[in-house]
Protein backbone atom coordinates (compact mmCIF):
# COMPACT_ATOMS: atom_id res chain seq x y z
CA UNK A 1 -0.10 0.34 -0.15
CA UNK A 2 1.93 3.21 -1.50
CA UNK A 3 -0.07 5.77 1.81
CA UNK A 4 0.59 7.01 4.82
CA UNK A 5 -1.92 8.48 7.25
CA UNK A 6 -0.95 11.98 9.06
CA UNK A 7 -2.59 12.45 12.62
CA UNK A 8 -2.24 14.20 16.05
CA UNK A 9 -2.16 14.09 19.59
CA UNK A 10 -4.53 16.43 19.81
CA UNK A 11 -7.01 18.78 17.54
CA UNK A 12 -5.23 21.97 15.78
CA UNK A 13 -1.99 20.19 16.03
CA UNK A 14 -0.84 21.53 12.70
CA UNK A 15 -1.20 18.03 11.04
CA UNK A 16 -2.84 19.65 7.65
CA UNK A 17 0.26 22.08 7.57
CA UNK A 18 2.25 19.04 7.93
CA UNK A 19 0.11 16.93 5.44
CA UNK A 20 0.33 19.69 2.54
CA UNK A 21 3.73 19.77 3.18
CA UNK A 22 4.11 16.08 2.82
CA UNK A 23 1.75 16.33 -0.25
CA UNK A 24 4.21 18.80 -1.78
CA UNK A 25 7.19 17.26 -0.81
CA UNK A 26 6.49 13.52 -1.75
CA UNK A 27 4.54 14.63 -5.20
CA UNK A 28 1.54 12.79 -3.08
CA UNK A 29 -2.34 12.52 -3.71
CA UNK A 30 -4.20 14.02 -0.33
CA UNK A 31 -7.40 12.72 0.94
CA UNK A 32 -9.17 13.98 3.91
CA UNK A 33 -11.78 11.28 4.63
CA UNK A 34 -14.01 12.85 7.59
CA UNK A 35 -14.19 16.79 7.20
CA UNK A 36 -15.87 18.09 10.33
CA UNK A 37 -16.21 21.41 10.46
CA UNK A 38 -17.16 23.76 6.97
CA UNK A 39 -17.61 26.73 8.42
CA UNK A 40 -13.82 28.02 7.76
CA UNK A 41 -13.61 25.93 5.14
CA UNK A 42 -12.55 22.20 4.40
CA UNK A 43 -9.56 21.21 4.90
CA UNK A 44 -9.04 20.16 1.72
CA UNK A 45 -9.40 23.73 0.55
CA UNK A 46 -6.78 24.27 3.11
CA UNK A 47 -4.35 22.02 1.79
CA UNK A 48 -5.10 23.03 -2.05
CA UNK A 49 -4.49 26.71 -1.14
CA UNK A 50 -0.68 26.27 0.84
CA UNK A 51 0.11 23.73 -2.05
CA UNK A 52 -1.71 25.47 -5.13
CA UNK A 53 -1.89 21.81 -6.30
CA UNK A 54 -4.54 21.00 -8.87
CA UNK A 55 -7.73 19.25 -8.52
CA UNK A 56 -5.76 15.84 -9.78
CA UNK A 57 -4.28 15.76 -6.40
CA UNK A 58 -7.02 15.61 -4.03
CA UNK A 59 -9.92 13.20 -3.63
CA UNK A 60 -12.94 14.09 -2.14
CA UNK A 61 -13.74 13.38 1.70
CA UNK A 62 -16.20 10.73 2.05
CA UNK A 63 -17.92 12.38 4.74
CA UNK A 64 -18.65 16.44 4.69
CA UNK A 65 -20.07 17.47 8.16
CA UNK A 66 -21.22 21.06 9.04
CA UNK A 67 -20.21 21.76 12.77
CA UNK A 68 -16.48 21.88 13.91
CA UNK A 69 -16.99 19.28 16.48
CA UNK A 70 -16.04 15.28 16.86
CA UNK A 71 -17.14 13.85 14.13
CA UNK A 72 -19.74 11.05 15.55
CA UNK A 73 -21.87 14.95 17.41
CA UNK A 74 -21.41 16.50 14.25
CA UNK A 75 -22.89 13.82 12.29
CA UNK A 76 -25.97 13.31 14.53
CA UNK A 77 -26.47 17.12 14.16
CA UNK A 78 -26.69 16.66 10.40
CA UNK A 79 -29.19 13.70 10.56
CA UNK A 80 -25.71 11.28 9.08
CA UNK A 81 -24.37 8.13 10.19
CA UNK A 82 -20.94 7.37 9.32
CA UNK A 83 -20.39 3.82 8.19
CA UNK A 84 -16.70 3.07 8.97
CA UNK A 85 -16.63 0.56 7.10
CA UNK A 86 -17.04 3.02 4.12
CA UNK A 87 -14.06 4.20 5.19
CA UNK A 88 -12.14 2.45 2.52
CA UNK A 89 -8.15 3.59 1.46
CA UNK A 90 -7.99 3.99 -2.36
CA UNK A 91 -6.35 0.74 -4.13
CA UNK A 92 -2.54 2.35 -4.79
CA UNK A 93 -0.09 0.89 -7.07
CA UNK A 94 3.72 1.17 -6.36
CA UNK A 95 4.13 3.69 -9.45
CA UNK A 96 1.22 5.46 -8.12
CA UNK A 97 1.99 8.85 -6.32
CA UNK A 98 1.46 8.19 -2.15
CA UNK A 99 -1.31 8.91 -0.80
CA UNK A 100 -1.39 11.41 2.12
CA UNK A 101 -4.38 10.64 4.28
CA UNK A 102 -5.40 13.24 7.23
CA UNK A 103 -7.22 11.88 9.82
CA UNK A 104 -9.90 13.94 12.21
CA UNK A 105 -8.62 14.91 15.79
CA UNK A 106 -6.59 12.43 17.94
CA UNK A 107 -6.40 9.32 17.65
CA UNK A 108 -9.48 8.39 19.93
CA UNK A 109 -12.09 10.84 17.97
CA UNK A 110 -15.51 9.03 17.56
CA UNK A 111 -16.66 8.34 14.28
CA UNK A 112 -19.40 7.22 15.87
CA UNK A 113 -20.99 5.89 19.34
CA UNK A 114 -19.62 2.45 18.91
CA UNK A 115 -16.30 3.49 16.24
CA UNK A 116 -13.14 5.32 17.23
CA UNK A 117 -10.79 6.68 14.65
CA UNK A 118 -7.88 4.24 15.59
CA UNK A 119 -10.26 1.73 15.21
CA UNK A 120 -10.07 2.57 11.57
CA UNK A 121 -6.45 2.96 11.66
CA UNK A 122 -5.97 -0.13 12.88
CA UNK A 123 -8.05 -2.24 10.31
CA UNK A 124 -5.74 0.08 7.38
CA UNK A 125 -2.84 -0.73 9.06
CA UNK A 126 -0.54 1.65 6.99
CA UNK A 127 2.49 3.58 8.11
CA UNK A 128 1.22 6.43 10.70
CA UNK A 129 2.99 9.74 11.17
CA UNK A 130 2.26 11.51 14.53
CA UNK A 131 2.55 15.29 14.70
CA UNK A 132 2.41 16.54 18.33
CA UNK A 133 2.97 20.35 20.07
CA UNK A 134 6.55 21.00 21.51
CA UNK A 135 5.27 22.98 24.18
CA UNK A 136 4.78 21.50 27.61
CA UNK A 137 2.52 18.51 28.13
CA UNK A 138 3.36 17.26 24.43
CA UNK A 139 5.29 14.17 26.45
CA UNK A 140 2.29 12.42 27.86
CA UNK A 141 0.40 13.30 25.58
CA UNK A 142 2.47 11.76 22.69
CA UNK A 143 3.59 9.03 25.09
CA UNK A 144 -0.16 8.30 25.33
CA UNK A 145 -0.85 8.39 21.71
CA UNK A 146 2.14 6.38 21.02
CA UNK A 147 1.43 3.84 23.31
CA UNK A 148 -2.06 3.51 22.30
CA UNK A 149 -0.88 3.11 18.40
CA UNK A 150 1.62 0.09 19.50
CA UNK A 151 -0.92 -1.50 21.79
CA UNK A 152 -3.47 -1.78 18.50
CA UNK A 153 -0.17 -2.96 16.59
CA UNK A 154 -0.25 0.45 14.00
CA UNK A 155 2.57 0.95 12.31
CA UNK A 156 4.17 4.25 13.47
CA UNK A 157 6.59 5.77 10.82
CA UNK A 158 7.33 8.38 13.07
CA UNK A 159 6.96 11.86 15.19
CA UNK A 160 6.74 15.41 13.73
CA UNK A 161 7.20 18.15 15.95
CA UNK A 162 5.15 21.02 15.39
CA UNK A 163 6.18 24.39 17.11
CA UNK A 164 9.32 26.16 18.71
CA UNK A 165 12.11 23.67 18.89
CA UNK A 166 12.14 22.00 22.34
CA UNK A 167 15.16 19.67 21.99
CA UNK A 168 14.76 18.51 25.75
CA UNK A 169 11.04 17.40 25.33
CA UNK A 170 11.75 15.96 21.45
CA UNK A 171 14.58 14.16 23.41
CA UNK A 172 12.68 12.80 26.43
CA UNK A 173 9.88 11.81 23.93
CA UNK A 174 11.78 9.85 21.44
CA UNK A 175 14.19 7.80 24.40
CA UNK A 176 10.98 7.09 26.20
CA UNK A 177 8.93 5.72 23.37
CA UNK A 178 11.86 4.34 20.83
CA UNK A 179 9.81 6.60 18.56
CA UNK A 180 11.67 7.97 15.63
CA UNK A 181 11.41 11.30 15.15
CA UNK A 182 10.79 12.77 11.27
CA UNK A 183 11.50 16.31 11.88
CA UNK A 184 9.98 19.63 13.30
CA UNK A 185 7.97 22.33 11.81
CA UNK A 186 8.98 25.76 13.33
CA UNK A 187 6.55 28.73 13.37
CA UNK A 188 6.76 29.72 9.46
CA UNK A 189 6.46 33.80 8.82
CA UNK A 190 4.43 32.35 6.03
CA UNK A 191 2.34 29.32 4.60
CA UNK A 192 3.25 29.16 1.15
CA UNK A 193 4.21 26.18 -0.90
CA UNK A 194 7.90 27.81 -1.31
CA UNK A 195 8.03 27.79 2.61
CA UNK A 196 6.88 24.35 3.05
CA UNK A 197 9.22 22.38 0.93
CA UNK A 198 12.09 24.55 2.52
CA UNK A 199 10.84 23.53 5.89
CA UNK A 200 10.83 19.77 4.49
CA UNK A 201 14.17 20.46 2.62
CA UNK A 202 15.78 21.74 5.74
CA UNK A 203 14.10 19.38 8.55
CA UNK A 204 13.34 16.24 7.09
CA UNK A 205 14.55 13.49 4.95
CA UNK A 206 12.77 12.49 2.10
CA UNK A 207 13.76 8.51 2.40
CA UNK A 208 12.07 8.42 5.61
CA UNK A 209 8.73 8.54 4.32
CA UNK A 210 9.09 5.95 1.37
CA UNK A 211 8.18 2.61 1.48
CA UNK A 212 11.00 0.13 2.58
């Protein structure tokens, strides 16, 4: 499966920016399966703007929900019931552009009253990039998220740190968990295709994201 999932330890963690960066840098195709909240636009629209890529590099969401709430509650308010079994990764071949999938919120976000997002990630079983803050509190949140992933044997590609560099927090997380530090996204003066590609070039290694 030529795909990876971008998720986070919390909502508002910066995973949309990271997903945009990876879509650009890896020549990928972006997909947000469940969009919850449309008042300020969709994440697909945001990534389109951040990357400047054409429509052929985006797949439409499976569900678009109105309110910026947990998907299960937003779906209820819209009179929609999410079918987790309908969340199927599009087939990819080895020579296809990689599929960059942006998950919703954190790992334990409910999709329905019975199913969490992590249940779907476990079924997909594709490499996952975990985005986390660098600030105070990140050690606890990140270690808990990594433990949850490993408990379900979900393959973790590594951790991306978002925010002002905090070397000790980042080192502590990687030492306790054994997870790979993929890189960091510091505050950027502007979010443009050029700035995202520059951040990737200076902070990341392309080979860390390619299939073994």
